[in-house]
N, C-alpha and C. Protein backbone atom coordinates (compact mmCIF):
# COMPACT_ATOMS: atom_id res chain seq x y z
N MET A 1 9.48 -23.74 11.08
CA MET A 1 9.09 -23.43 9.70
C MET A 1 7.60 -23.10 9.64
N LEU A 2 7.27 -22.04 8.94
CA LEU A 2 5.88 -21.69 8.75
C LEU A 2 5.29 -22.60 7.68
N ASN A 3 4.04 -22.98 7.90
CA ASN A 3 3.38 -23.85 6.93
C ASN A 3 2.04 -23.23 6.56
N ARG A 4 2.09 -22.16 5.80
CA ARG A 4 0.86 -21.51 5.39
C ARG A 4 0.93 -21.15 3.92
N LYS A 5 -0.22 -20.84 3.38
CA LYS A 5 -0.30 -20.49 1.97
C LYS A 5 -0.61 -19.02 1.79
N ILE A 6 0.03 -18.42 0.79
CA ILE A 6 -0.24 -17.03 0.44
C ILE A 6 -1.66 -16.94 -0.11
N ARG A 7 -2.40 -15.96 0.38
CA ARG A 7 -3.79 -15.79 -0.04
C ARG A 7 -3.85 -14.96 -1.33
N ILE A 8 -4.43 -15.56 -2.38
CA ILE A 8 -4.41 -14.99 -3.73
C ILE A 8 -5.80 -14.54 -4.16
N ALA A 9 -5.85 -13.40 -4.84
CA ALA A 9 -7.06 -12.96 -5.54
C ALA A 9 -6.76 -12.91 -7.03
N VAL A 10 -7.66 -13.44 -7.83
CA VAL A 10 -7.52 -13.36 -9.29
C VAL A 10 -8.55 -12.38 -9.82
N PHE A 11 -8.08 -11.44 -10.66
CA PHE A 11 -8.97 -10.46 -11.30
C PHE A 11 -9.17 -10.89 -12.76
N ALA A 12 -10.41 -10.92 -13.22
CA ALA A 12 -10.68 -11.32 -14.60
C ALA A 12 -11.82 -10.51 -15.18
N SER A 13 -11.89 -10.49 -16.52
CA SER A 13 -12.95 -9.76 -17.21
C SER A 13 -13.69 -10.60 -18.23
N GLY A 14 -13.09 -11.71 -18.65
CA GLY A 14 -13.67 -12.47 -19.76
C GLY A 14 -13.88 -13.94 -19.47
N GLY A 15 -13.38 -14.77 -20.39
CA GLY A 15 -13.61 -16.21 -20.30
C GLY A 15 -12.90 -16.91 -19.16
N GLY A 16 -11.79 -16.34 -18.73
CA GLY A 16 -11.09 -16.90 -17.58
C GLY A 16 -10.26 -18.14 -17.85
N THR A 17 -9.68 -18.24 -19.04
CA THR A 17 -8.87 -19.44 -19.34
C THR A 17 -7.60 -19.49 -18.50
N ASN A 18 -6.98 -18.34 -18.27
CA ASN A 18 -5.78 -18.34 -17.41
C ASN A 18 -6.16 -18.60 -15.95
N LEU A 19 -7.32 -18.12 -15.55
CA LEU A 19 -7.83 -18.44 -14.21
C LEU A 19 -7.99 -19.96 -14.09
N GLN A 20 -8.57 -20.58 -15.11
CA GLN A 20 -8.78 -22.03 -15.08
C GLN A 20 -7.45 -22.78 -15.00
N ALA A 21 -6.45 -22.29 -15.74
CA ALA A 21 -5.13 -22.93 -15.70
C ALA A 21 -4.54 -22.87 -14.29
N ILE A 22 -4.75 -21.74 -13.61
CA ILE A 22 -4.24 -21.58 -12.25
C ILE A 22 -5.02 -22.49 -11.28
N LEU A 23 -6.34 -22.55 -11.44
CA LEU A 23 -7.15 -23.41 -10.58
C LEU A 23 -6.81 -24.88 -10.79
N ASP A 24 -6.58 -25.26 -12.04
CA ASP A 24 -6.20 -26.66 -12.34
C ASP A 24 -4.86 -27.00 -11.73
N ALA A 25 -3.91 -26.05 -11.82
CA ALA A 25 -2.58 -26.28 -11.25
C ALA A 25 -2.66 -26.37 -9.73
N GLN A 26 -3.52 -25.59 -9.14
CA GLN A 26 -3.71 -25.64 -7.69
C GLN A 26 -4.30 -27.00 -7.29
N GLU A 27 -5.29 -27.44 -8.05
CA GLU A 27 -5.93 -28.74 -7.77
C GLU A 27 -4.94 -29.89 -7.92
N ALA A 28 -4.02 -29.75 -8.87
CA ALA A 28 -3.02 -30.79 -9.12
C ALA A 28 -1.83 -30.73 -8.16
N GLY A 29 -1.82 -29.72 -7.29
CA GLY A 29 -0.72 -29.59 -6.34
C GLY A 29 0.50 -28.90 -6.88
N LYS A 30 0.39 -28.35 -8.11
CA LYS A 30 1.53 -27.62 -8.69
C LYS A 30 1.67 -26.24 -8.06
N ILE A 31 0.56 -25.69 -7.61
CA ILE A 31 0.60 -24.48 -6.80
C ILE A 31 0.28 -24.92 -5.37
N HIS A 32 1.30 -24.91 -4.52
CA HIS A 32 1.12 -25.38 -3.15
C HIS A 32 1.56 -24.35 -2.11
N SER A 33 2.19 -23.27 -2.57
CA SER A 33 2.62 -22.22 -1.65
C SER A 33 1.60 -21.09 -1.55
N GLY A 34 0.57 -21.15 -2.38
CA GLY A 34 -0.48 -20.15 -2.38
C GLY A 34 -1.83 -20.79 -2.64
N GLU A 35 -2.89 -20.03 -2.42
CA GLU A 35 -4.25 -20.54 -2.63
C GLU A 35 -5.15 -19.41 -3.11
N VAL A 36 -5.90 -19.67 -4.18
CA VAL A 36 -6.85 -18.68 -4.67
C VAL A 36 -8.04 -18.64 -3.72
N CYS A 37 -8.22 -17.52 -3.06
CA CYS A 37 -9.29 -17.35 -2.07
C CYS A 37 -10.40 -16.44 -2.55
N LEU A 38 -10.13 -15.70 -3.63
CA LEU A 38 -11.10 -14.72 -4.11
C LEU A 38 -10.91 -14.49 -5.60
N VAL A 39 -12.04 -14.38 -6.31
CA VAL A 39 -12.01 -13.99 -7.72
C VAL A 39 -12.89 -12.76 -7.87
N ILE A 40 -12.32 -11.71 -8.47
CA ILE A 40 -13.06 -10.47 -8.72
C ILE A 40 -13.20 -10.29 -10.23
N VAL A 41 -14.43 -10.12 -10.70
CA VAL A 41 -14.66 -9.85 -12.12
C VAL A 41 -15.34 -8.49 -12.26
N ASN A 42 -15.04 -7.81 -13.36
CA ASN A 42 -15.60 -6.46 -13.55
C ASN A 42 -16.61 -6.41 -14.69
N ARG A 43 -17.07 -7.59 -15.11
CA ARG A 43 -18.13 -7.65 -16.12
C ARG A 43 -19.11 -8.74 -15.69
N GLU A 44 -20.38 -8.39 -15.66
CA GLU A 44 -21.39 -9.34 -15.20
C GLU A 44 -21.50 -10.56 -16.11
N SER A 45 -21.11 -10.39 -17.38
CA SER A 45 -21.21 -11.50 -18.34
C SER A 45 -19.96 -12.39 -18.36
N ALA A 46 -18.96 -12.07 -17.56
CA ALA A 46 -17.69 -12.79 -17.61
C ALA A 46 -17.85 -14.24 -17.18
N TYR A 47 -17.45 -15.16 -18.05
CA TYR A 47 -17.55 -16.59 -17.73
C TYR A 47 -16.56 -16.99 -16.63
N ALA A 48 -15.57 -16.14 -16.43
CA ALA A 48 -14.60 -16.41 -15.35
C ALA A 48 -15.31 -16.58 -14.01
N ALA A 49 -16.39 -15.84 -13.81
CA ALA A 49 -17.14 -15.94 -12.56
C ALA A 49 -17.71 -17.33 -12.39
N GLU A 50 -18.20 -17.91 -13.48
CA GLU A 50 -18.75 -19.28 -13.42
C GLU A 50 -17.67 -20.29 -13.11
N ARG A 51 -16.50 -20.11 -13.69
CA ARG A 51 -15.38 -21.02 -13.41
C ARG A 51 -15.04 -20.98 -11.92
N ALA A 52 -14.99 -19.78 -11.36
CA ALA A 52 -14.64 -19.63 -9.95
C ALA A 52 -15.70 -20.26 -9.05
N LYS A 53 -16.97 -20.01 -9.38
CA LYS A 53 -18.06 -20.56 -8.57
C LYS A 53 -18.05 -22.09 -8.60
N LYS A 54 -17.78 -22.66 -9.77
CA LYS A 54 -17.71 -24.13 -9.90
C LYS A 54 -16.61 -24.70 -9.03
N ALA A 55 -15.54 -23.91 -8.84
CA ALA A 55 -14.41 -24.35 -8.03
C ALA A 55 -14.64 -24.07 -6.54
N GLY A 56 -15.79 -23.47 -6.23
CA GLY A 56 -16.11 -23.18 -4.84
C GLY A 56 -15.37 -22.01 -4.25
N ILE A 57 -14.95 -21.08 -5.11
CA ILE A 57 -14.18 -19.93 -4.65
C ILE A 57 -15.08 -18.71 -4.57
N LYS A 58 -14.92 -17.94 -3.53
CA LYS A 58 -15.71 -16.71 -3.37
C LYS A 58 -15.51 -15.82 -4.59
N THR A 59 -16.61 -15.40 -5.18
CA THR A 59 -16.58 -14.61 -6.41
C THR A 59 -17.39 -13.34 -6.22
N VAL A 60 -16.78 -12.21 -6.57
CA VAL A 60 -17.44 -10.92 -6.42
C VAL A 60 -17.41 -10.18 -7.76
N ILE A 61 -18.57 -9.65 -8.16
CA ILE A 61 -18.66 -8.86 -9.39
C ILE A 61 -18.71 -7.38 -8.99
N ILE A 62 -17.70 -6.64 -9.45
CA ILE A 62 -17.63 -5.20 -9.18
C ILE A 62 -17.43 -4.48 -10.51
N THR A 63 -18.38 -3.65 -10.90
CA THR A 63 -18.27 -2.94 -12.17
C THR A 63 -18.13 -1.44 -11.93
N LYS A 64 -17.38 -0.80 -12.82
CA LYS A 64 -17.20 0.65 -12.71
C LYS A 64 -18.52 1.38 -12.97
N LYS A 65 -19.36 0.76 -13.82
CA LYS A 65 -20.66 1.36 -14.13
C LYS A 65 -21.51 1.49 -12.86
N LYS A 66 -21.49 0.45 -12.05
CA LYS A 66 -22.31 0.47 -10.84
C LYS A 66 -21.68 1.29 -9.71
N THR A 67 -20.36 1.26 -9.62
CA THR A 67 -19.70 2.01 -8.55
C THR A 67 -19.63 3.50 -8.88
N GLY A 68 -19.60 3.85 -10.17
CA GLY A 68 -19.73 5.25 -10.57
C GLY A 68 -18.46 5.98 -10.94
N SER A 69 -17.31 5.51 -10.45
CA SER A 69 -16.04 6.17 -10.78
C SER A 69 -14.90 5.20 -10.55
N GLN A 70 -13.72 5.53 -11.10
CA GLN A 70 -12.55 4.69 -10.90
C GLN A 70 -12.20 4.61 -9.42
N GLU A 71 -12.29 5.74 -8.74
CA GLU A 71 -11.96 5.79 -7.31
C GLU A 71 -12.88 4.88 -6.50
N ALA A 72 -14.18 4.96 -6.76
CA ALA A 72 -15.14 4.13 -6.04
C ALA A 72 -14.99 2.66 -6.41
N PHE A 73 -14.69 2.41 -7.68
CA PHE A 73 -14.46 1.05 -8.18
C PHE A 73 -13.30 0.40 -7.44
N GLU A 74 -12.18 1.13 -7.34
CA GLU A 74 -11.00 0.59 -6.66
C GLU A 74 -11.23 0.47 -5.15
N ALA A 75 -12.00 1.39 -4.58
CA ALA A 75 -12.30 1.33 -3.15
C ALA A 75 -13.11 0.07 -2.83
N ALA A 76 -14.04 -0.26 -3.73
CA ALA A 76 -14.86 -1.47 -3.54
C ALA A 76 -14.00 -2.73 -3.64
N ILE A 77 -13.04 -2.71 -4.58
CA ILE A 77 -12.13 -3.85 -4.72
C ILE A 77 -11.26 -3.99 -3.48
N LEU A 78 -10.69 -2.89 -3.02
CA LEU A 78 -9.84 -2.91 -1.83
C LEU A 78 -10.58 -3.45 -0.61
N LYS A 79 -11.83 -3.09 -0.49
CA LYS A 79 -12.63 -3.56 0.63
C LYS A 79 -12.71 -5.09 0.63
N GLU A 80 -12.93 -5.66 -0.56
CA GLU A 80 -13.00 -7.12 -0.67
C GLU A 80 -11.64 -7.77 -0.42
N LEU A 81 -10.58 -7.14 -0.92
CA LEU A 81 -9.23 -7.69 -0.72
C LEU A 81 -8.87 -7.71 0.76
N GLU A 82 -9.19 -6.64 1.44
CA GLU A 82 -8.87 -6.54 2.87
C GLU A 82 -9.71 -7.52 3.69
N LYS A 83 -10.98 -7.69 3.28
CA LYS A 83 -11.87 -8.61 3.97
C LYS A 83 -11.32 -10.04 3.91
N GLU A 84 -10.74 -10.40 2.76
CA GLU A 84 -10.20 -11.75 2.57
C GLU A 84 -8.71 -11.86 2.88
N LYS A 85 -8.12 -10.77 3.39
CA LYS A 85 -6.70 -10.75 3.74
C LYS A 85 -5.81 -11.21 2.58
N ILE A 86 -6.10 -10.64 1.40
CA ILE A 86 -5.37 -11.01 0.19
C ILE A 86 -3.96 -10.44 0.21
N GLU A 87 -3.00 -11.28 -0.18
CA GLU A 87 -1.59 -10.89 -0.19
C GLU A 87 -1.01 -10.76 -1.60
N LEU A 88 -1.60 -11.46 -2.55
CA LEU A 88 -1.10 -11.44 -3.93
C LEU A 88 -2.26 -11.34 -4.90
N ILE A 89 -2.14 -10.44 -5.88
CA ILE A 89 -3.16 -10.27 -6.92
C ILE A 89 -2.62 -10.82 -8.23
N VAL A 90 -3.44 -11.60 -8.91
CA VAL A 90 -3.08 -12.17 -10.20
C VAL A 90 -4.09 -11.67 -11.23
N LEU A 91 -3.61 -10.89 -12.20
CA LEU A 91 -4.49 -10.38 -13.25
C LEU A 91 -4.57 -11.42 -14.37
N ALA A 92 -5.80 -11.83 -14.68
CA ALA A 92 -6.00 -12.86 -15.70
C ALA A 92 -7.01 -12.36 -16.72
N GLY A 93 -6.52 -11.53 -17.64
CA GLY A 93 -7.42 -10.94 -18.63
C GLY A 93 -8.32 -9.89 -18.01
N PHE A 94 -7.75 -9.08 -17.13
CA PHE A 94 -8.52 -8.04 -16.44
C PHE A 94 -8.43 -6.76 -17.27
N MET A 95 -9.56 -6.38 -17.88
CA MET A 95 -9.57 -5.27 -18.82
C MET A 95 -9.95 -3.95 -18.16
N ASN A 96 -9.16 -3.58 -17.18
CA ASN A 96 -9.36 -2.27 -16.54
C ASN A 96 -8.01 -1.82 -16.00
N VAL A 97 -7.55 -0.68 -16.47
CA VAL A 97 -6.26 -0.16 -16.00
C VAL A 97 -6.43 0.39 -14.60
N LEU A 98 -5.64 -0.11 -13.67
CA LEU A 98 -5.72 0.33 -12.28
C LEU A 98 -4.85 1.56 -12.05
N SER A 99 -5.22 2.37 -11.08
CA SER A 99 -4.49 3.60 -10.82
C SER A 99 -3.12 3.34 -10.23
N GLU A 100 -2.25 4.35 -10.35
CA GLU A 100 -0.89 4.22 -9.78
C GLU A 100 -0.95 4.01 -8.28
N ALA A 101 -1.89 4.66 -7.62
CA ALA A 101 -2.02 4.52 -6.16
C ALA A 101 -2.37 3.09 -5.78
N PHE A 102 -3.28 2.49 -6.53
CA PHE A 102 -3.67 1.10 -6.27
C PHE A 102 -2.47 0.17 -6.50
N ILE A 103 -1.78 0.38 -7.62
CA ILE A 103 -0.63 -0.46 -7.96
C ILE A 103 0.47 -0.34 -6.92
N ARG A 104 0.73 0.88 -6.45
CA ARG A 104 1.77 1.08 -5.43
C ARG A 104 1.41 0.35 -4.13
N HIS A 105 0.11 0.30 -3.83
CA HIS A 105 -0.35 -0.37 -2.62
C HIS A 105 -0.01 -1.86 -2.66
N TYR A 106 0.04 -2.41 -3.87
CA TYR A 106 0.35 -3.84 -4.04
C TYR A 106 1.66 -4.03 -4.83
N GLU A 107 2.60 -3.15 -4.60
CA GLU A 107 3.89 -3.23 -5.29
C GLU A 107 4.56 -4.58 -5.04
N LYS A 108 5.01 -5.21 -6.12
CA LYS A 108 5.64 -6.53 -6.09
C LYS A 108 4.69 -7.60 -5.52
N ARG A 109 3.39 -7.28 -5.55
CA ARG A 109 2.40 -8.25 -5.10
C ARG A 109 1.24 -8.34 -6.10
N MET A 110 1.52 -7.94 -7.34
CA MET A 110 0.52 -8.02 -8.40
C MET A 110 1.19 -8.52 -9.67
N LEU A 111 0.63 -9.59 -10.26
CA LEU A 111 1.20 -10.20 -11.45
C LEU A 111 0.27 -10.04 -12.64
N ASN A 112 0.87 -10.06 -13.83
CA ASN A 112 0.09 -10.04 -15.07
C ASN A 112 0.79 -10.93 -16.09
N ILE A 113 0.02 -11.42 -17.06
CA ILE A 113 0.61 -12.18 -18.16
C ILE A 113 0.28 -11.48 -19.46
N HIS A 114 1.26 -11.44 -20.36
CA HIS A 114 1.08 -10.78 -21.66
C HIS A 114 1.44 -11.78 -22.76
N PRO A 115 0.64 -11.84 -23.86
CA PRO A 115 0.87 -12.85 -24.89
C PRO A 115 1.93 -12.50 -25.93
N SER A 116 3.09 -12.08 -25.45
CA SER A 116 4.25 -11.88 -26.33
C SER A 116 5.50 -11.93 -25.46
N LEU A 117 6.64 -11.93 -26.11
CA LEU A 117 7.90 -11.87 -25.37
C LEU A 117 8.24 -10.40 -25.17
N LEU A 118 7.80 -9.87 -24.05
CA LEU A 118 8.06 -8.46 -23.77
C LEU A 118 9.56 -8.19 -23.75
N PRO A 119 10.00 -7.00 -24.20
CA PRO A 119 9.18 -5.81 -24.47
C PRO A 119 8.54 -5.75 -25.86
N SER A 120 8.67 -6.80 -26.68
CA SER A 120 8.05 -6.77 -28.00
C SER A 120 6.53 -6.84 -27.90
N PHE A 121 5.85 -6.04 -28.71
CA PHE A 121 4.40 -6.06 -28.84
C PHE A 121 3.68 -5.91 -27.50
N GLY A 122 4.16 -4.96 -26.71
CA GLY A 122 3.54 -4.66 -25.44
C GLY A 122 3.25 -3.18 -25.31
N GLY A 123 2.63 -2.80 -24.23
CA GLY A 123 2.34 -1.40 -23.97
C GLY A 123 0.89 -1.05 -24.22
N GLN A 124 0.60 0.23 -24.14
CA GLN A 124 -0.76 0.74 -24.27
C GLN A 124 -1.42 0.27 -25.56
N GLY A 125 -2.59 -0.32 -25.47
CA GLY A 125 -3.34 -0.74 -26.64
C GLY A 125 -3.04 -2.13 -27.15
N PHE A 126 -1.95 -2.73 -26.67
CA PHE A 126 -1.58 -4.07 -27.13
C PHE A 126 -2.18 -5.12 -26.20
N TYR A 127 -3.28 -5.72 -26.65
CA TYR A 127 -3.90 -6.79 -25.88
C TYR A 127 -4.72 -7.67 -26.82
N GLY A 128 -5.03 -8.87 -26.36
CA GLY A 128 -5.87 -9.77 -27.14
C GLY A 128 -5.27 -10.15 -28.48
N LEU A 129 -6.14 -10.26 -29.46
CA LEU A 129 -5.74 -10.72 -30.79
C LEU A 129 -4.79 -9.76 -31.48
N LEU A 130 -4.88 -8.47 -31.16
CA LEU A 130 -4.03 -7.47 -31.80
C LEU A 130 -2.54 -7.78 -31.62
N VAL A 131 -2.18 -8.31 -30.47
CA VAL A 131 -0.77 -8.64 -30.20
C VAL A 131 -0.28 -9.65 -31.25
N HIS A 132 -1.08 -10.65 -31.54
CA HIS A 132 -0.69 -11.69 -32.49
C HIS A 132 -0.74 -11.19 -33.93
N GLU A 133 -1.69 -10.32 -34.21
CA GLU A 133 -1.74 -9.71 -35.54
C GLU A 133 -0.47 -8.92 -35.83
N LYS A 134 -0.03 -8.14 -34.85
CA LYS A 134 1.17 -7.33 -35.03
C LYS A 134 2.42 -8.21 -35.14
N ALA A 135 2.46 -9.29 -34.39
CA ALA A 135 3.61 -10.21 -34.47
C ALA A 135 3.72 -10.82 -35.86
N LEU A 136 2.57 -11.21 -36.42
CA LEU A 136 2.57 -11.79 -37.76
C LEU A 136 2.91 -10.75 -38.82
N GLU A 137 2.41 -9.53 -38.63
CA GLU A 137 2.74 -8.44 -39.57
C GLU A 137 4.24 -8.18 -39.59
N ARG A 138 4.87 -8.25 -38.42
CA ARG A 138 6.31 -7.99 -38.31
C ARG A 138 7.13 -9.14 -38.90
N GLY A 139 6.51 -10.32 -38.97
CA GLY A 139 7.21 -11.47 -39.54
C GLY A 139 8.13 -12.19 -38.57
N VAL A 140 7.86 -12.06 -37.27
CA VAL A 140 8.71 -12.73 -36.29
C VAL A 140 8.57 -14.24 -36.43
N LYS A 141 9.64 -14.96 -36.10
CA LYS A 141 9.63 -16.42 -36.17
C LYS A 141 9.36 -17.05 -34.81
N VAL A 142 9.51 -16.25 -33.77
CA VAL A 142 9.28 -16.74 -32.41
C VAL A 142 8.50 -15.68 -31.64
N THR A 143 7.48 -16.12 -30.94
CA THR A 143 6.75 -15.24 -30.04
C THR A 143 6.65 -15.97 -28.70
N GLY A 144 5.62 -15.70 -27.90
CA GLY A 144 5.52 -16.40 -26.63
C GLY A 144 4.66 -15.66 -25.64
N ALA A 145 4.98 -15.84 -24.36
CA ALA A 145 4.23 -15.17 -23.30
C ALA A 145 5.18 -14.74 -22.20
N THR A 146 4.78 -13.71 -21.47
CA THR A 146 5.60 -13.13 -20.40
C THR A 146 4.76 -12.91 -19.16
N VAL A 147 5.24 -13.40 -18.02
CA VAL A 147 4.63 -13.06 -16.74
C VAL A 147 5.50 -11.99 -16.10
N HIS A 148 4.87 -10.92 -15.62
CA HIS A 148 5.64 -9.82 -15.05
C HIS A 148 4.91 -9.20 -13.87
N TYR A 149 5.67 -8.51 -13.03
CA TYR A 149 5.05 -7.72 -11.98
C TYR A 149 4.37 -6.51 -12.62
N VAL A 150 3.32 -6.03 -12.01
CA VAL A 150 2.61 -4.86 -12.52
C VAL A 150 3.18 -3.60 -11.88
N ASN A 151 3.52 -2.63 -12.72
CA ASN A 151 3.89 -1.31 -12.21
C ASN A 151 3.08 -0.26 -12.95
N GLU A 152 3.45 1.02 -12.80
CA GLU A 152 2.63 2.08 -13.38
C GLU A 152 2.70 2.15 -14.91
N LEU A 153 3.66 1.44 -15.52
CA LEU A 153 3.77 1.40 -16.97
C LEU A 153 3.06 0.15 -17.50
N VAL A 154 2.23 0.30 -18.52
CA VAL A 154 1.52 -0.85 -19.08
C VAL A 154 2.53 -1.85 -19.63
N ASP A 155 2.50 -3.07 -19.12
CA ASP A 155 3.42 -4.15 -19.51
C ASP A 155 4.88 -3.79 -19.23
N GLY A 156 5.10 -2.88 -18.29
CA GLY A 156 6.47 -2.40 -18.05
C GLY A 156 7.14 -2.93 -16.81
N GLY A 157 6.46 -3.78 -16.05
CA GLY A 157 7.03 -4.27 -14.80
C GLY A 157 8.11 -5.33 -14.99
N GLU A 158 8.83 -5.60 -13.92
CA GLU A 158 9.93 -6.58 -13.94
C GLU A 158 9.43 -7.94 -14.41
N ILE A 159 10.17 -8.55 -15.32
CA ILE A 159 9.79 -9.86 -15.88
C ILE A 159 10.12 -10.96 -14.88
N ILE A 160 9.15 -11.86 -14.68
CA ILE A 160 9.32 -13.00 -13.78
C ILE A 160 9.64 -14.26 -14.57
N MET A 161 8.94 -14.46 -15.68
CA MET A 161 9.11 -15.69 -16.45
C MET A 161 8.65 -15.47 -17.89
N GLN A 162 9.32 -16.14 -18.82
CA GLN A 162 8.93 -16.09 -20.23
C GLN A 162 9.02 -17.48 -20.84
N LYS A 163 8.22 -17.71 -21.88
CA LYS A 163 8.31 -18.97 -22.62
C LYS A 163 8.08 -18.67 -24.10
N ALA A 164 8.97 -19.19 -24.93
CA ALA A 164 8.90 -18.94 -26.36
C ALA A 164 8.00 -19.96 -27.07
N VAL A 165 7.38 -19.50 -28.16
CA VAL A 165 6.53 -20.34 -29.00
C VAL A 165 6.87 -20.04 -30.45
N ASP A 166 7.07 -21.08 -31.24
CA ASP A 166 7.40 -20.90 -32.65
C ASP A 166 6.19 -20.40 -33.44
N VAL A 167 6.46 -19.49 -34.36
CA VAL A 167 5.43 -19.04 -35.30
C VAL A 167 5.55 -19.91 -36.55
N LYS A 168 4.44 -20.46 -37.00
CA LYS A 168 4.44 -21.35 -38.16
C LYS A 168 4.01 -20.63 -39.43
N ASP A 169 4.55 -21.07 -40.56
CA ASP A 169 4.16 -20.48 -41.85
C ASP A 169 2.64 -20.62 -42.03
N GLY A 170 2.02 -19.54 -42.43
CA GLY A 170 0.58 -19.58 -42.69
C GLY A 170 -0.28 -19.40 -41.46
N ASP A 171 0.34 -19.15 -40.32
CA ASP A 171 -0.44 -18.92 -39.09
C ASP A 171 -1.42 -17.77 -39.26
N THR A 172 -2.62 -17.93 -38.74
CA THR A 172 -3.55 -16.82 -38.60
C THR A 172 -3.38 -16.28 -37.18
N PRO A 173 -3.83 -15.05 -36.92
CA PRO A 173 -3.75 -14.54 -35.55
C PRO A 173 -4.45 -15.45 -34.55
N GLU A 174 -5.59 -16.02 -34.96
CA GLU A 174 -6.36 -16.90 -34.07
C GLU A 174 -5.60 -18.18 -33.76
N GLU A 175 -4.95 -18.75 -34.77
CA GLU A 175 -4.17 -19.98 -34.55
C GLU A 175 -2.98 -19.72 -33.64
N LEU A 176 -2.33 -18.59 -33.88
CA LEU A 176 -1.17 -18.24 -33.06
C LEU A 176 -1.59 -17.97 -31.62
N GLN A 177 -2.71 -17.29 -31.46
CA GLN A 177 -3.22 -17.00 -30.12
C GLN A 177 -3.45 -18.29 -29.33
N LEU A 178 -4.08 -19.28 -29.98
CA LEU A 178 -4.35 -20.55 -29.30
C LEU A 178 -3.07 -21.29 -28.95
N ARG A 179 -2.09 -21.25 -29.86
CA ARG A 179 -0.83 -21.95 -29.59
C ARG A 179 -0.08 -21.29 -28.44
N VAL A 180 -0.09 -19.97 -28.39
CA VAL A 180 0.57 -19.25 -27.29
C VAL A 180 -0.11 -19.59 -25.96
N MET A 181 -1.44 -19.69 -25.97
CA MET A 181 -2.15 -20.07 -24.75
C MET A 181 -1.72 -21.47 -24.29
N HIS A 182 -1.84 -22.43 -25.21
CA HIS A 182 -1.57 -23.83 -24.86
C HIS A 182 -0.10 -24.09 -24.52
N GLU A 183 0.81 -23.49 -25.28
CA GLU A 183 2.22 -23.83 -25.13
C GLU A 183 2.99 -22.90 -24.20
N ALA A 184 2.37 -21.78 -23.83
CA ALA A 184 3.10 -20.83 -22.98
C ALA A 184 2.26 -20.33 -21.80
N GLU A 185 1.19 -19.61 -22.09
CA GLU A 185 0.43 -18.95 -21.01
C GLU A 185 -0.02 -19.91 -19.91
N TRP A 186 -0.68 -21.00 -20.32
CA TRP A 186 -1.27 -21.91 -19.33
C TRP A 186 -0.21 -22.72 -18.59
N ILE A 187 1.01 -22.67 -19.08
CA ILE A 187 2.12 -23.37 -18.42
C ILE A 187 2.85 -22.45 -17.45
N ILE A 188 3.26 -21.28 -17.95
CA ILE A 188 4.13 -20.44 -17.10
C ILE A 188 3.37 -19.60 -16.08
N TYR A 189 2.08 -19.33 -16.31
CA TYR A 189 1.40 -18.50 -15.31
C TYR A 189 1.29 -19.24 -13.97
N PRO A 190 0.80 -20.49 -13.97
CA PRO A 190 0.81 -21.23 -12.70
C PRO A 190 2.20 -21.37 -12.10
N GLU A 191 3.21 -21.61 -12.94
CA GLU A 191 4.59 -21.75 -12.45
C GLU A 191 5.07 -20.45 -11.79
N ALA A 192 4.74 -19.32 -12.41
CA ALA A 192 5.16 -18.03 -11.87
C ALA A 192 4.43 -17.72 -10.56
N VAL A 193 3.15 -18.08 -10.50
CA VAL A 193 2.38 -17.86 -9.27
C VAL A 193 3.01 -18.65 -8.13
N GLU A 194 3.34 -19.90 -8.38
CA GLU A 194 3.97 -20.73 -7.34
C GLU A 194 5.34 -20.15 -6.95
N LYS A 195 6.10 -19.72 -7.93
CA LYS A 195 7.43 -19.16 -7.66
C LYS A 195 7.34 -17.94 -6.75
N VAL A 196 6.43 -17.02 -7.07
CA VAL A 196 6.29 -15.79 -6.28
C VAL A 196 5.77 -16.12 -4.88
N CYS A 197 4.80 -17.01 -4.78
CA CYS A 197 4.25 -17.38 -3.47
C CYS A 197 5.33 -18.04 -2.60
N ALA A 198 6.12 -18.92 -3.21
CA ALA A 198 7.19 -19.59 -2.48
C ALA A 198 8.22 -18.58 -1.97
N GLU A 199 8.53 -17.60 -2.80
CA GLU A 199 9.49 -16.56 -2.40
C GLU A 199 8.92 -15.72 -1.26
N MET A 200 7.63 -15.45 -1.30
CA MET A 200 7.00 -14.66 -0.25
C MET A 200 7.02 -15.40 1.09
N THR A 201 6.73 -16.69 1.07
CA THR A 201 6.75 -17.46 2.32
C THR A 201 8.17 -17.66 2.82
N ALA A 202 9.11 -17.79 1.87
CA ALA A 202 10.52 -17.96 2.27
C ALA A 202 11.04 -16.75 3.01
N LYS A 203 10.60 -15.56 2.59
CA LYS A 203 11.02 -14.33 3.27
C LYS A 203 10.51 -14.30 4.71
N GLU A 204 9.30 -14.82 4.91
CA GLU A 204 8.74 -14.86 6.24
C GLU A 204 9.52 -15.80 7.17
N GLU A 205 10.11 -16.84 6.56
CA GLU A 205 10.79 -17.86 7.35
C GLU A 205 12.22 -17.50 7.71
N GLN A 206 12.73 -16.42 7.10
CA GLN A 206 14.11 -16.03 7.40
C GLN A 206 14.20 -15.46 8.81
N PRO A 207 15.12 -15.97 9.62
CA PRO A 207 15.26 -15.45 10.99
C PRO A 207 15.80 -14.03 10.99
N CYS A 208 15.43 -13.26 11.98
CA CYS A 208 15.93 -11.89 12.08
C CYS A 208 17.41 -11.92 12.43
N ARG A 209 18.17 -11.07 11.79
CA ARG A 209 19.61 -10.98 12.09
C ARG A 209 19.84 -10.04 13.26
N LYS A 210 20.66 -10.48 14.15
CA LYS A 210 20.98 -9.62 15.30
C LYS A 210 22.00 -8.58 14.88
N LYS A 211 21.84 -7.40 15.42
CA LYS A 211 22.80 -6.34 15.14
C LYS A 211 24.10 -6.66 15.86
N GLU A 212 25.18 -6.44 15.14
CA GLU A 212 26.51 -6.69 15.77
C GLU A 212 26.97 -5.47 16.53
């Protein structure tokens, strides 16, 4: 039996609350089939970088402004991923759409979380508080969060895990956003990361079948 951990990189742009949830789950032993080895942020002001540094994880800041183009930006990211032998990418509030070529390179090895029950309130332009504003405008009684694989369609990849959250009368978008984070995002993202990592290691452990 192989006894190794999948090497994970987390991409973030902002406060890094989902990154923190993953780091906390790793520290608690809830994520044991993988390990966060690298955090990449694309904004110099992103607090996610501070969270990663406090956890003793290698942190790299790569901005499109400094690299000059999307192609150079992604090339710089790939260089860091290859240097750290990264096998799984976890997007945690990463506000930069990656190219189809980059996504194909990490097919079924890149995860994202969205603050709704996809396919509702997903797709181009649906992110942050707007998702919750639209849910309240529609009058839904249940919302939640979805972890999915990343493909070339925004929020269009195969769903890995979902968790529902009740919408309460009088909810503001801000209140709903916080409840979705606490009751769904911070719970299922670490669970999904562990699930995918465990599946990846399990595939490695399968013996080769002899041809008959």
